[in-house]
Amino acid sequence: MGHLTFLTGGARSGKSTFALELGRGTGRPVTFIATAPQADSDPDMDARIARHRLERAGIERADWVTIEEPLDLAAALGRAAGSFVILDCLTLWVSNLMWAGRSDEEIDRLGRDTAAVAVDLPEPVVAVTNEVGLGIHPDHPLGRRYRDMLGIMNQRWAAVADDALLMVAGRALRLDDPGQLIGSAPQ
């Protein structure tokens, strides 16, 4: 089996840049799975997508492939066979699933199932996501639902990852299993 690396942190913390550096450093084919939807009505999102494409263009080689897939990550992971995989990002994937009308239970199931696909790949996978639970308490029910669903998704992926890192200001902190830190799993 491959190796799943889970990268989380705040906006502009260096997650995507680090993932790209890992891909560049492998010397092997890379598949970049982008979850951002094509934003026809959101100029800010269009600018962000363009910026990320430009960042990738600066380091991509001929053996880099980009798959733009906002909903079916399991299928996209399957199409990435034989390469180092960068999945950027779970944050938008959860949002996309919510906008597609998926229930919390379905999003949780898809998260578990897709994480299992990532773990079972023979190639390394780097999964990028945001940590949104450190900020203010959202005042709208949809914001609270999103924060909660992304927190659950992040827990699912971190639990099965070989490495989990919290990125802050371009630096990483290793995230350890709390049960292992105290010598046993909580009772």
N, C-alpha and C. Protein backbone atom coordinates (compact mmCIF):
# COMPACT_ATOMS: atom_id res chain seq x y z
N MET A 1 0.83 -1.19 0.00
CA MET A 1 0.00 0.00 0.00
C MET A 1 0.87 1.24 0.00
N GLY A 2 0.24 2.35 -0.34
CA GLY A 2 0.94 3.63 -0.40
C GLY A 2 1.06 4.27 0.97
N HIS A 3 1.07 5.55 0.97
CA HIS A 3 1.28 6.33 2.19
C HIS A 3 0.37 7.54 2.12
N LEU A 4 -0.52 7.72 3.12
CA LEU A 4 -1.42 8.86 3.15
C LEU A 4 -0.87 9.91 4.11
N THR A 5 -0.65 11.11 3.57
CA THR A 5 -0.25 12.26 4.38
C THR A 5 -1.42 13.22 4.42
N PHE A 6 -1.82 13.62 5.61
CA PHE A 6 -2.94 14.52 5.85
C PHE A 6 -2.36 15.87 6.25
N LEU A 7 -2.66 16.93 5.48
CA LEU A 7 -2.17 18.28 5.77
C LEU A 7 -3.35 19.18 6.08
N THR A 8 -3.36 19.78 7.25
CA THR A 8 -4.41 20.71 7.62
C THR A 8 -3.78 21.99 8.13
N GLY A 9 -4.59 23.02 8.21
CA GLY A 9 -4.13 24.32 8.70
C GLY A 9 -5.10 25.39 8.25
N GLY A 10 -4.80 26.61 8.61
CA GLY A 10 -5.64 27.73 8.22
C GLY A 10 -5.38 28.16 6.79
N ALA A 11 -6.14 29.14 6.34
CA ALA A 11 -5.97 29.69 5.00
C ALA A 11 -4.57 30.29 4.88
N ARG A 12 -3.92 30.04 3.75
CA ARG A 12 -2.60 30.57 3.43
C ARG A 12 -1.53 30.16 4.44
N SER A 13 -1.68 28.98 5.00
CA SER A 13 -0.72 28.48 6.00
C SER A 13 0.44 27.73 5.36
N GLY A 14 0.36 27.46 4.06
CA GLY A 14 1.43 26.76 3.37
C GLY A 14 1.12 25.32 3.01
N LYS A 15 -0.12 24.90 3.21
CA LYS A 15 -0.50 23.51 2.95
C LYS A 15 -0.30 23.13 1.49
N SER A 16 -0.92 23.87 0.59
CA SER A 16 -0.85 23.54 -0.83
C SER A 16 0.57 23.67 -1.36
N THR A 17 1.28 24.70 -0.93
CA THR A 17 2.66 24.89 -1.37
C THR A 17 3.51 23.70 -0.95
N PHE A 18 3.35 23.25 0.28
CA PHE A 18 4.11 22.09 0.76
C PHE A 18 3.74 20.83 -0.01
N ALA A 19 2.45 20.65 -0.29
CA ALA A 19 2.03 19.47 -1.06
C ALA A 19 2.66 19.49 -2.45
N LEU A 20 2.69 20.66 -3.09
CA LEU A 20 3.31 20.77 -4.40
C LEU A 20 4.81 20.48 -4.34
N GLU A 21 5.46 20.96 -3.28
CA GLU A 21 6.89 20.69 -3.12
C GLU A 21 7.15 19.20 -2.94
N LEU A 22 6.28 18.53 -2.19
CA LEU A 22 6.41 17.08 -2.04
C LEU A 22 6.29 16.39 -3.39
N GLY A 23 5.30 16.80 -4.18
CA GLY A 23 5.11 16.21 -5.50
C GLY A 23 6.31 16.45 -6.40
N ARG A 24 6.81 17.66 -6.40
CA ARG A 24 7.96 17.99 -7.24
C ARG A 24 9.18 17.18 -6.82
N GLY A 25 9.32 16.96 -5.52
CA GLY A 25 10.50 16.26 -5.01
C GLY A 25 10.51 14.76 -5.26
N THR A 26 9.40 14.20 -5.70
CA THR A 26 9.35 12.75 -5.89
C THR A 26 10.08 12.30 -7.14
N GLY A 27 10.12 13.14 -8.16
CA GLY A 27 10.71 12.74 -9.42
C GLY A 27 9.87 11.74 -10.18
N ARG A 28 8.65 11.53 -9.76
CA ARG A 28 7.75 10.58 -10.42
C ARG A 28 6.52 11.31 -10.93
N PRO A 29 5.70 10.66 -11.74
CA PRO A 29 4.47 11.31 -12.21
C PRO A 29 3.59 11.75 -11.03
N VAL A 30 2.92 12.87 -11.22
CA VAL A 30 2.05 13.43 -10.18
C VAL A 30 0.67 13.65 -10.77
N THR A 31 -0.35 13.27 -10.01
CA THR A 31 -1.72 13.61 -10.36
C THR A 31 -2.23 14.57 -9.29
N PHE A 32 -2.67 15.73 -9.73
CA PHE A 32 -3.22 16.75 -8.85
C PHE A 32 -4.73 16.72 -9.01
N ILE A 33 -5.43 16.40 -7.92
CA ILE A 33 -6.89 16.36 -7.95
C ILE A 33 -7.41 17.65 -7.32
N ALA A 34 -8.03 18.48 -8.13
CA ALA A 34 -8.56 19.77 -7.68
C ALA A 34 -10.06 19.63 -7.47
N THR A 35 -10.54 20.02 -6.30
CA THR A 35 -11.96 19.89 -5.99
C THR A 35 -12.74 21.17 -6.19
N ALA A 36 -12.07 22.27 -6.53
CA ALA A 36 -12.77 23.54 -6.70
C ALA A 36 -13.73 23.46 -7.88
N PRO A 37 -14.97 23.84 -7.67
CA PRO A 37 -15.91 23.86 -8.81
C PRO A 37 -15.58 25.03 -9.72
N GLN A 38 -15.97 24.93 -10.95
CA GLN A 38 -15.80 26.06 -11.86
C GLN A 38 -16.77 27.14 -11.42
N ALA A 39 -16.26 28.22 -10.90
CA ALA A 39 -17.09 29.28 -10.32
C ALA A 39 -17.39 30.34 -11.38
N ASP A 40 -18.55 30.22 -12.00
CA ASP A 40 -18.92 31.16 -13.05
C ASP A 40 -19.44 32.48 -12.50
N SER A 41 -19.90 32.49 -11.27
CA SER A 41 -20.52 33.70 -10.74
C SER A 41 -19.79 34.29 -9.55
N ASP A 42 -18.61 33.76 -9.22
CA ASP A 42 -17.88 34.23 -8.05
C ASP A 42 -16.49 34.68 -8.48
N PRO A 43 -16.30 35.98 -8.71
CA PRO A 43 -15.01 36.48 -9.19
C PRO A 43 -13.85 36.14 -8.24
N ASP A 44 -14.10 36.17 -6.92
CA ASP A 44 -13.05 35.84 -5.97
C ASP A 44 -12.60 34.39 -6.14
N MET A 45 -13.55 33.47 -6.27
CA MET A 45 -13.21 32.06 -6.44
C MET A 45 -12.50 31.85 -7.78
N ASP A 46 -12.97 32.54 -8.82
CA ASP A 46 -12.29 32.45 -10.12
C ASP A 46 -10.82 32.87 -9.98
N ALA A 47 -10.58 33.94 -9.24
CA ALA A 47 -9.20 34.44 -9.05
C ALA A 47 -8.37 33.43 -8.26
N ARG A 48 -8.98 32.80 -7.26
CA ARG A 48 -8.26 31.79 -6.47
C ARG A 48 -7.89 30.58 -7.33
N ILE A 49 -8.83 30.12 -8.14
CA ILE A 49 -8.57 28.99 -9.03
C ILE A 49 -7.44 29.34 -9.99
N ALA A 50 -7.49 30.55 -10.56
CA ALA A 50 -6.43 30.99 -11.49
C ALA A 50 -5.08 31.05 -10.78
N ARG A 51 -5.06 31.55 -9.54
CA ARG A 51 -3.80 31.63 -8.79
C ARG A 51 -3.23 30.24 -8.54
N HIS A 52 -4.08 29.29 -8.15
CA HIS A 52 -3.60 27.92 -7.90
C HIS A 52 -3.10 27.27 -9.19
N ARG A 53 -3.80 27.51 -10.30
CA ARG A 53 -3.33 26.96 -11.58
C ARG A 53 -1.97 27.54 -11.94
N LEU A 54 -1.77 28.83 -11.70
CA LEU A 54 -0.50 29.48 -11.99
C LEU A 54 0.61 28.92 -11.10
N GLU A 55 0.32 28.71 -9.81
CA GLU A 55 1.31 28.11 -8.90
C GLU A 55 1.73 26.74 -9.40
N ARG A 56 0.76 25.94 -9.82
CA ARG A 56 1.08 24.59 -10.32
C ARG A 56 1.87 24.67 -11.62
N ALA A 57 1.51 25.61 -12.49
CA ALA A 57 2.19 25.72 -13.78
C ALA A 57 3.68 26.02 -13.59
N GLY A 58 4.02 26.70 -12.50
CA GLY A 58 5.41 27.03 -12.25
C GLY A 58 6.27 25.83 -11.90
N ILE A 59 5.66 24.74 -11.47
CA ILE A 59 6.47 23.58 -11.07
C ILE A 59 6.08 22.30 -11.80
N GLU A 60 4.97 22.31 -12.51
CA GLU A 60 4.53 21.08 -13.18
C GLU A 60 5.51 20.67 -14.27
N ARG A 61 5.64 19.38 -14.41
CA ARG A 61 6.44 18.79 -15.48
C ARG A 61 5.47 18.13 -16.46
N ALA A 62 6.02 17.59 -17.52
CA ALA A 62 5.19 16.93 -18.53
C ALA A 62 4.44 15.73 -17.95
N ASP A 63 4.97 15.14 -16.87
CA ASP A 63 4.32 13.97 -16.28
C ASP A 63 3.36 14.33 -15.14
N TRP A 64 2.92 15.58 -15.08
CA TRP A 64 1.90 16.01 -14.12
C TRP A 64 0.56 16.07 -14.84
N VAL A 65 -0.47 15.55 -14.18
CA VAL A 65 -1.83 15.58 -14.70
C VAL A 65 -2.73 16.23 -13.65
N THR A 66 -3.64 17.07 -14.10
CA THR A 66 -4.62 17.66 -13.19
C THR A 66 -5.99 17.09 -13.51
N ILE A 67 -6.66 16.60 -12.48
CA ILE A 67 -8.05 16.14 -12.59
C ILE A 67 -8.89 17.12 -11.78
N GLU A 68 -9.83 17.77 -12.43
CA GLU A 68 -10.75 18.66 -11.72
C GLU A 68 -12.02 17.88 -11.44
N GLU A 69 -12.23 17.56 -10.17
CA GLU A 69 -13.37 16.72 -9.77
C GLU A 69 -13.97 17.26 -8.47
N PRO A 70 -15.11 17.94 -8.55
CA PRO A 70 -15.70 18.52 -7.35
C PRO A 70 -16.48 17.55 -6.47
N LEU A 71 -16.90 16.37 -6.98
CA LEU A 71 -17.77 15.50 -6.19
C LEU A 71 -17.26 14.07 -6.03
N ASP A 72 -16.85 13.41 -7.08
CA ASP A 72 -16.53 11.98 -7.02
C ASP A 72 -15.03 11.75 -6.83
N LEU A 73 -14.56 11.99 -5.61
CA LEU A 73 -13.12 11.84 -5.33
C LEU A 73 -12.65 10.40 -5.42
N ALA A 74 -13.50 9.45 -5.08
CA ALA A 74 -13.08 8.05 -5.17
C ALA A 74 -12.74 7.70 -6.62
N ALA A 75 -13.57 8.14 -7.56
CA ALA A 75 -13.29 7.88 -8.98
C ALA A 75 -12.03 8.60 -9.42
N ALA A 76 -11.85 9.84 -8.98
CA ALA A 76 -10.65 10.60 -9.34
C ALA A 76 -9.40 9.92 -8.81
N LEU A 77 -9.47 9.41 -7.58
CA LEU A 77 -8.33 8.68 -7.02
C LEU A 77 -8.04 7.44 -7.84
N GLY A 78 -9.08 6.77 -8.29
CA GLY A 78 -8.90 5.59 -9.14
C GLY A 78 -8.22 5.92 -10.45
N ARG A 79 -8.52 7.10 -11.00
CA ARG A 79 -7.90 7.52 -12.26
C ARG A 79 -6.45 7.97 -12.07
N ALA A 80 -6.03 8.15 -10.83
CA ALA A 80 -4.67 8.63 -10.54
C ALA A 80 -3.67 7.50 -10.36
N ALA A 81 -4.07 6.29 -10.68
CA ALA A 81 -3.20 5.13 -10.47
C ALA A 81 -1.84 5.34 -11.13
N GLY A 82 -0.81 4.92 -10.43
CA GLY A 82 0.54 4.97 -10.96
C GLY A 82 1.27 6.28 -10.75
N SER A 83 0.70 7.17 -9.94
CA SER A 83 1.36 8.46 -9.72
C SER A 83 1.26 8.88 -8.26
N PHE A 84 2.10 9.83 -7.91
CA PHE A 84 2.01 10.50 -6.62
C PHE A 84 0.77 11.39 -6.69
N VAL A 85 -0.10 11.34 -5.68
CA VAL A 85 -1.39 12.04 -5.74
C VAL A 85 -1.44 13.18 -4.74
N ILE A 86 -1.84 14.34 -5.23
CA ILE A 86 -2.12 15.49 -4.37
C ILE A 86 -3.61 15.78 -4.51
N LEU A 87 -4.33 15.70 -3.40
CA LEU A 87 -5.76 15.97 -3.35
C LEU A 87 -5.96 17.31 -2.65
N ASP A 88 -6.39 18.31 -3.40
CA ASP A 88 -6.51 19.67 -2.86
C ASP A 88 -7.86 20.25 -3.26
N CYS A 89 -8.87 20.19 -2.44
CA CYS A 89 -8.81 19.95 -1.02
C CYS A 89 -10.12 19.36 -0.51
N LEU A 90 -10.05 18.75 0.65
CA LEU A 90 -11.23 18.19 1.31
C LEU A 90 -12.20 19.30 1.72
N THR A 91 -11.67 20.48 2.00
CA THR A 91 -12.48 21.62 2.43
C THR A 91 -13.57 21.94 1.41
N LEU A 92 -13.15 22.10 0.16
CA LEU A 92 -14.12 22.40 -0.90
C LEU A 92 -14.98 21.20 -1.22
N TRP A 93 -14.42 20.00 -1.10
CA TRP A 93 -15.21 18.80 -1.38
C TRP A 93 -16.43 18.74 -0.47
N VAL A 94 -16.23 18.98 0.84
CA VAL A 94 -17.36 18.97 1.77
C VAL A 94 -18.38 20.03 1.37
N SER A 95 -17.92 21.22 1.04
CA SER A 95 -18.82 22.28 0.60
C SER A 95 -19.59 21.86 -0.65
N ASN A 96 -18.89 21.27 -1.62
CA ASN A 96 -19.53 20.82 -2.85
C ASN A 96 -20.61 19.78 -2.56
N LEU A 97 -20.32 18.85 -1.67
CA LEU A 97 -21.29 17.81 -1.32
C LEU A 97 -22.52 18.42 -0.65
N MET A 98 -22.29 19.41 0.21
CA MET A 98 -23.42 20.07 0.86
C MET A 98 -24.28 20.80 -0.17
N TRP A 99 -23.64 21.54 -1.09
CA TRP A 99 -24.39 22.27 -2.12
C TRP A 99 -25.12 21.32 -3.05
N ALA A 100 -24.60 20.09 -3.18
CA ALA A 100 -25.26 19.08 -4.03
C ALA A 100 -26.43 18.42 -3.31
N GLY A 101 -26.69 18.83 -2.06
CA GLY A 101 -27.84 18.33 -1.32
C GLY A 101 -27.61 17.04 -0.57
N ARG A 102 -26.35 16.65 -0.38
CA ARG A 102 -26.07 15.41 0.35
C ARG A 102 -26.34 15.59 1.84
N SER A 103 -26.86 14.56 2.47
CA SER A 103 -27.13 14.60 3.90
C SER A 103 -25.83 14.47 4.69
N ASP A 104 -25.88 14.82 5.96
CA ASP A 104 -24.70 14.68 6.81
C ASP A 104 -24.24 13.23 6.85
N GLU A 105 -25.18 12.31 6.93
CA GLU A 105 -24.83 10.89 6.99
C GLU A 105 -24.14 10.45 5.70
N GLU A 106 -24.64 10.93 4.56
CA GLU A 106 -24.04 10.56 3.27
C GLU A 106 -22.64 11.17 3.13
N ILE A 107 -22.47 12.42 3.57
CA ILE A 107 -21.16 13.05 3.51
C ILE A 107 -20.17 12.29 4.39
N ASP A 108 -20.60 11.89 5.58
CA ASP A 108 -19.73 11.13 6.47
C ASP A 108 -19.35 9.79 5.83
N ARG A 109 -20.33 9.10 5.23
CA ARG A 109 -20.05 7.81 4.59
C ARG A 109 -19.09 8.00 3.42
N LEU A 110 -19.34 9.01 2.59
CA LEU A 110 -18.44 9.27 1.47
C LEU A 110 -17.03 9.59 1.96
N GLY A 111 -16.94 10.33 3.06
CA GLY A 111 -15.63 10.64 3.63
C GLY A 111 -14.88 9.40 4.06
N ARG A 112 -15.58 8.53 4.78
CA ARG A 112 -14.94 7.28 5.22
C ARG A 112 -14.55 6.41 4.03
N ASP A 113 -15.47 6.24 3.08
CA ASP A 113 -15.21 5.37 1.93
C ASP A 113 -14.07 5.91 1.07
N THR A 114 -14.05 7.22 0.86
CA THR A 114 -13.01 7.81 0.02
C THR A 114 -11.66 7.79 0.72
N ALA A 115 -11.65 8.00 2.01
CA ALA A 115 -10.39 7.87 2.76
C ALA A 115 -9.85 6.46 2.64
N ALA A 116 -10.73 5.46 2.67
CA ALA A 116 -10.30 4.06 2.51
C ALA A 116 -9.71 3.83 1.13
N VAL A 117 -10.28 4.46 0.10
CA VAL A 117 -9.72 4.35 -1.25
C VAL A 117 -8.32 4.94 -1.27
N ALA A 118 -8.16 6.12 -0.65
CA ALA A 118 -6.84 6.78 -0.62
C ALA A 118 -5.81 5.91 0.09
N VAL A 119 -6.20 5.31 1.20
CA VAL A 119 -5.28 4.46 1.97
C VAL A 119 -4.90 3.21 1.17
N ASP A 120 -5.83 2.68 0.40
CA ASP A 120 -5.58 1.45 -0.35
C ASP A 120 -4.79 1.64 -1.63
N LEU A 121 -4.61 2.88 -2.07
CA LEU A 121 -3.82 3.10 -3.28
C LEU A 121 -2.37 2.67 -3.03
N PRO A 122 -1.73 2.09 -4.03
CA PRO A 122 -0.33 1.71 -3.85
C PRO A 122 0.63 2.91 -3.91
N GLU A 123 0.12 4.06 -4.33
CA GLU A 123 0.94 5.25 -4.45
C GLU A 123 0.72 6.18 -3.26
N PRO A 124 1.68 7.07 -3.00
CA PRO A 124 1.49 8.07 -1.94
C PRO A 124 0.39 9.05 -2.29
N VAL A 125 -0.37 9.46 -1.28
CA VAL A 125 -1.43 10.45 -1.43
C VAL A 125 -1.21 11.53 -0.38
N VAL A 126 -1.29 12.79 -0.80
CA VAL A 126 -1.27 13.92 0.13
C VAL A 126 -2.64 14.57 0.05
N ALA A 127 -3.37 14.59 1.16
CA ALA A 127 -4.70 15.18 1.22
C ALA A 127 -4.61 16.51 1.98
N VAL A 128 -5.06 17.58 1.33
CA VAL A 128 -5.00 18.93 1.88
C VAL A 128 -6.41 19.32 2.35
N THR A 129 -6.48 19.98 3.51
CA THR A 129 -7.75 20.44 4.03
C THR A 129 -7.52 21.64 4.94
N ASN A 130 -8.57 22.39 5.20
CA ASN A 130 -8.47 23.52 6.11
C ASN A 130 -8.98 23.14 7.49
N GLU A 131 -8.42 23.80 8.48
CA GLU A 131 -8.94 23.70 9.84
C GLU A 131 -9.80 24.94 10.05
N VAL A 132 -11.11 24.75 10.12
CA VAL A 132 -12.01 25.89 10.27
C VAL A 132 -12.64 25.97 11.66
N GLY A 133 -12.32 25.05 12.53
CA GLY A 133 -12.94 25.00 13.85
C GLY A 133 -12.27 25.87 14.89
N LEU A 134 -11.25 26.62 14.54
CA LEU A 134 -10.55 27.45 15.52
C LEU A 134 -11.05 28.88 15.56
N GLY A 135 -11.96 29.23 14.65
CA GLY A 135 -12.43 30.60 14.55
C GLY A 135 -13.68 30.84 15.36
N ILE A 136 -14.38 31.88 14.97
CA ILE A 136 -15.60 32.25 15.68
C ILE A 136 -16.70 31.22 15.41
N HIS A 137 -17.66 31.18 16.29
CA HIS A 137 -18.82 30.30 16.14
C HIS A 137 -19.72 30.90 15.06
N PRO A 138 -19.95 30.17 13.95
CA PRO A 138 -20.79 30.75 12.88
C PRO A 138 -22.18 31.10 13.40
N ASP A 139 -22.70 32.24 12.94
CA ASP A 139 -24.01 32.66 13.41
C ASP A 139 -25.15 32.10 12.57
N HIS A 140 -24.84 31.41 11.49
CA HIS A 140 -25.87 30.84 10.63
C HIS A 140 -25.84 29.32 10.72
N PRO A 141 -27.00 28.67 10.74
CA PRO A 141 -27.03 27.20 10.84
C PRO A 141 -26.23 26.50 9.74
N LEU A 142 -26.24 27.03 8.52
CA LEU A 142 -25.48 26.41 7.44
C LEU A 142 -23.98 26.49 7.72
N GLY A 143 -23.53 27.61 8.25
CA GLY A 143 -22.12 27.76 8.62
C GLY A 143 -21.71 26.78 9.72
N ARG A 144 -22.59 26.60 10.70
CA ARG A 144 -22.30 25.64 11.78
C ARG A 144 -22.28 24.22 11.24
N ARG A 145 -23.23 23.91 10.36
CA ARG A 145 -23.27 22.56 9.76
C ARG A 145 -21.98 22.31 8.98
N TYR A 146 -21.56 23.28 8.19
CA TYR A 146 -20.33 23.13 7.39
C TYR A 146 -19.11 22.93 8.30
N ARG A 147 -18.98 23.79 9.31
CA ARG A 147 -17.85 23.66 10.24
C ARG A 147 -17.83 22.28 10.88
N ASP A 148 -18.99 21.81 11.30
CA ASP A 148 -19.07 20.50 11.95
C ASP A 148 -18.76 19.37 10.98
N MET A 149 -19.31 19.43 9.77
CA MET A 149 -19.07 18.36 8.79
C MET A 149 -17.60 18.31 8.37
N LEU A 150 -16.98 19.48 8.19
CA LEU A 150 -15.56 19.48 7.82
C LEU A 150 -14.72 18.96 8.99
N GLY A 151 -15.07 19.32 10.21
CA GLY A 151 -14.34 18.80 11.37
C GLY A 151 -14.42 17.28 11.44
N ILE A 152 -15.60 16.73 11.19
CA ILE A 152 -15.77 15.27 11.19
C ILE A 152 -14.96 14.65 10.06
N MET A 153 -15.04 15.25 8.86
CA MET A 153 -14.27 14.75 7.71
C MET A 153 -12.77 14.74 8.04
N ASN A 154 -12.29 15.83 8.60
CA ASN A 154 -10.87 15.90 8.92
C ASN A 154 -10.47 14.83 9.94
N GLN A 155 -11.33 14.58 10.91
CA GLN A 155 -11.04 13.51 11.89
C GLN A 155 -10.95 12.15 11.20
N ARG A 156 -11.87 11.88 10.28
CA ARG A 156 -11.89 10.59 9.57
C ARG A 156 -10.59 10.37 8.81
N TRP A 157 -10.17 11.39 8.06
CA TRP A 157 -8.96 11.26 7.24
C TRP A 157 -7.70 11.22 8.10
N ALA A 158 -7.64 12.06 9.14
CA ALA A 158 -6.45 12.06 10.00
C ALA A 158 -6.30 10.72 10.71
N ALA A 159 -7.41 10.09 11.07
CA ALA A 159 -7.36 8.82 11.81
C ALA A 159 -6.73 7.70 10.99
N VAL A 160 -6.88 7.74 9.66
CA VAL A 160 -6.35 6.66 8.83
C VAL A 160 -5.03 7.05 8.15
N ALA A 161 -4.61 8.30 8.32
CA ALA A 161 -3.39 8.77 7.67
C ALA A 161 -2.14 8.20 8.34
N ASP A 162 -1.12 8.00 7.54
CA ASP A 162 0.18 7.59 8.07
C ASP A 162 0.86 8.76 8.76
N ASP A 163 0.69 9.94 8.21
CA ASP A 163 1.23 11.17 8.80
C ASP A 163 0.15 12.22 8.76
N ALA A 164 0.03 13.00 9.84
CA ALA A 164 -0.91 14.12 9.90
C ALA A 164 -0.13 15.33 10.39
N LEU A 165 -0.23 16.42 9.63
CA LEU A 165 0.53 17.62 9.95
C LEU A 165 -0.40 18.82 10.00
N LEU A 166 -0.15 19.71 10.95
CA LEU A 166 -0.83 21.00 11.04
C LEU A 166 0.14 22.05 10.54
N MET A 167 -0.23 22.74 9.47
CA MET A 167 0.62 23.78 8.90
C MET A 167 0.24 25.13 9.49
N VAL A 168 1.26 25.87 9.94
CA VAL A 168 1.09 27.22 10.48
C VAL A 168 2.26 28.05 9.96
N ALA A 169 1.98 29.12 9.24
CA ALA A 169 3.02 30.02 8.75
C ALA A 169 4.12 29.29 7.98
N GLY A 170 3.72 28.31 7.19
CA GLY A 170 4.68 27.56 6.39
C GLY A 170 5.48 26.54 7.16
N ARG A 171 5.18 26.33 8.40
CA ARG A 171 5.85 25.35 9.25
C ARG A 171 4.85 24.28 9.64
N ALA A 172 5.36 23.10 10.00
CA ALA A 172 4.47 21.98 10.30
C ALA A 172 4.64 21.49 11.73
N LEU A 173 3.52 21.12 12.31
CA LEU A 173 3.50 20.44 13.60
C LEU A 173 2.90 19.06 13.36
N ARG A 174 3.57 18.03 13.87
CA ARG A 174 3.06 16.68 13.73
C ARG A 174 1.85 16.51 14.65
N LEU A 175 0.82 15.89 14.12
CA LEU A 175 -0.39 15.60 14.90
C LEU A 175 -0.36 14.12 15.27
N ASP A 176 -0.23 13.86 16.54
CA ASP A 176 -0.15 12.48 17.01
C ASP A 176 -1.50 12.00 17.51
N ASP A 177 -1.68 10.69 17.48
CA ASP A 177 -2.86 10.05 18.05
C ASP A 177 -2.84 10.32 19.55
N PRO A 178 -3.87 10.96 20.10
CA PRO A 178 -3.84 11.29 21.52
C PRO A 178 -3.75 10.05 22.42
N GLY A 179 -4.32 8.93 21.98
CA GLY A 179 -4.21 7.70 22.76
C GLY A 179 -2.78 7.23 22.90
N GLN A 180 -1.98 7.43 21.85
CA GLN A 180 -0.59 7.02 21.90
C GLN A 180 0.24 7.99 22.75
N LEU A 181 -0.18 9.25 22.84
CA LEU A 181 0.56 10.21 23.64
C LEU A 181 0.49 9.91 25.13
N ILE A 182 -0.65 9.35 25.56
CA ILE A 182 -0.78 9.05 26.99
C ILE A 182 -0.53 7.57 27.28
N GLY A 183 -0.19 6.81 26.25
CA GLY A 183 0.17 5.41 26.45
C GLY A 183 -0.96 4.42 26.26
N SER A 184 -2.18 4.93 26.14
CA SER A 184 -3.29 4.00 25.89
C SER A 184 -4.46 4.81 25.34
N ALA A 185 -5.35 4.10 24.72
CA ALA A 185 -6.55 4.75 24.18
C ALA A 185 -7.46 5.17 25.34
N PRO A 186 -8.17 6.29 25.17
CA PRO A 186 -9.11 6.72 26.22
C PRO A 186 -10.15 5.63 26.49
N GLN A 187 -10.54 5.50 27.72
CA GLN A 187 -11.54 4.52 28.11
C GLN A 187 -12.93 5.09 28.04
